[in-house]
Amino acid sequence: MSTPISPETVDALLPEVAQLIVEALNLDVAPADIDPSDDENNERIFASLRALTAHIASQRTQ
């Protein structure tokens, strides 16, 4: 069984994960501008791999 992770640990790691996502996907957004929980589009964006891919394509720089 895994050890529970504290909310503080998750909060401390969020900026690093946001930076990795922006760099890996070459997104045209600042990591600090990614809201970790309140985007009303999350359900639509993460509904399927196809939906996620379409969202990435729309946000990516060339």
Protein backbone atom coordinates (compact mmCIF):
# COMPACT_ATOMS: atom_id res chain seq x y z
CA MET A 1 0.00 0.00 0.00
CA SER A 2 1.24 3.51 -0.76
CA THR A 3 1.93 6.12 1.87
CA PRO A 4 -0.53 9.03 1.97
CA ILE A 5 0.92 12.23 0.52
CA SER A 6 0.31 15.49 2.35
CA PRO A 7 -1.39 18.40 0.57
CA GLU A 8 1.71 20.47 1.33
CA THR A 9 3.91 18.00 -0.56
CA VAL A 10 1.58 18.11 -3.57
CA ASP A 11 1.45 21.93 -3.49
CA ALA A 12 5.25 22.11 -3.41
CA LEU A 13 5.52 19.83 -6.44
CA LEU A 14 2.87 21.57 -8.60
CA PRO A 15 5.20 24.23 -10.10
CA GLU A 16 7.73 21.57 -11.15
CA VAL A 17 5.06 19.41 -12.77
CA ALA A 18 3.57 22.42 -14.56
CA GLN A 19 7.03 23.35 -15.89
CA LEU A 20 7.64 19.80 -17.13
CA ILE A 21 4.28 19.71 -18.91
CA VAL A 22 4.84 23.06 -20.62
CA GLU A 23 8.34 22.04 -21.75
CA ALA A 24 7.43 18.51 -22.84
CA LEU A 25 4.39 19.62 -24.82
CA ASN A 26 5.88 22.90 -26.04
CA LEU A 27 2.81 24.79 -24.84
CA ASP A 28 2.30 28.51 -25.34
CA VAL A 29 1.45 29.15 -21.68
CA ALA A 30 3.49 30.07 -18.63
CA PRO A 31 3.66 27.28 -16.04
CA ALA A 32 2.48 29.71 -13.35
CA ASP A 33 -0.65 30.41 -15.41
CA ILE A 34 -1.83 26.80 -15.17
CA ASP A 35 -4.55 26.58 -12.56
CA PRO A 36 -4.10 23.23 -10.83
CA SER A 37 -7.75 22.67 -9.96
CA ASP A 38 -10.32 25.24 -11.12
CA ASP A 39 -10.42 24.94 -14.91
CA GLU A 40 -14.04 24.31 -15.87
CA ASN A 41 -12.83 22.65 -19.08
CA ASN A 42 -10.92 19.83 -17.33
CA GLU A 43 -13.72 17.31 -17.71
CA ARG A 44 -13.92 17.97 -21.47
CA ILE A 45 -10.13 18.12 -21.95
CA PHE A 46 -9.42 14.86 -20.09
CA ALA A 47 -12.47 12.96 -21.33
CA SER A 48 -10.36 10.84 -23.68
CA LEU A 49 -6.91 10.59 -25.19
CA ARG A 50 -8.30 12.15 -28.39
CA ALA A 51 -9.77 15.10 -26.48
CA LEU A 52 -6.49 15.62 -24.59
CA THR A 53 -4.49 15.43 -27.82
CA ALA A 54 -6.77 17.97 -29.51
CA HIS A 55 -6.36 20.34 -26.57
CA ILE A 56 -2.58 19.96 -26.63
CA ALA A 57 -2.54 20.64 -30.37
CA SER A 58 -4.57 23.82 -29.89
CA GLN A 59 -2.20 25.13 -27.20
CA ARG A 60 1.12 24.11 -28.72
CA THR A 61 3.61 26.44 -30.30
CA GLN A 62 5.14 25.37 -33.58
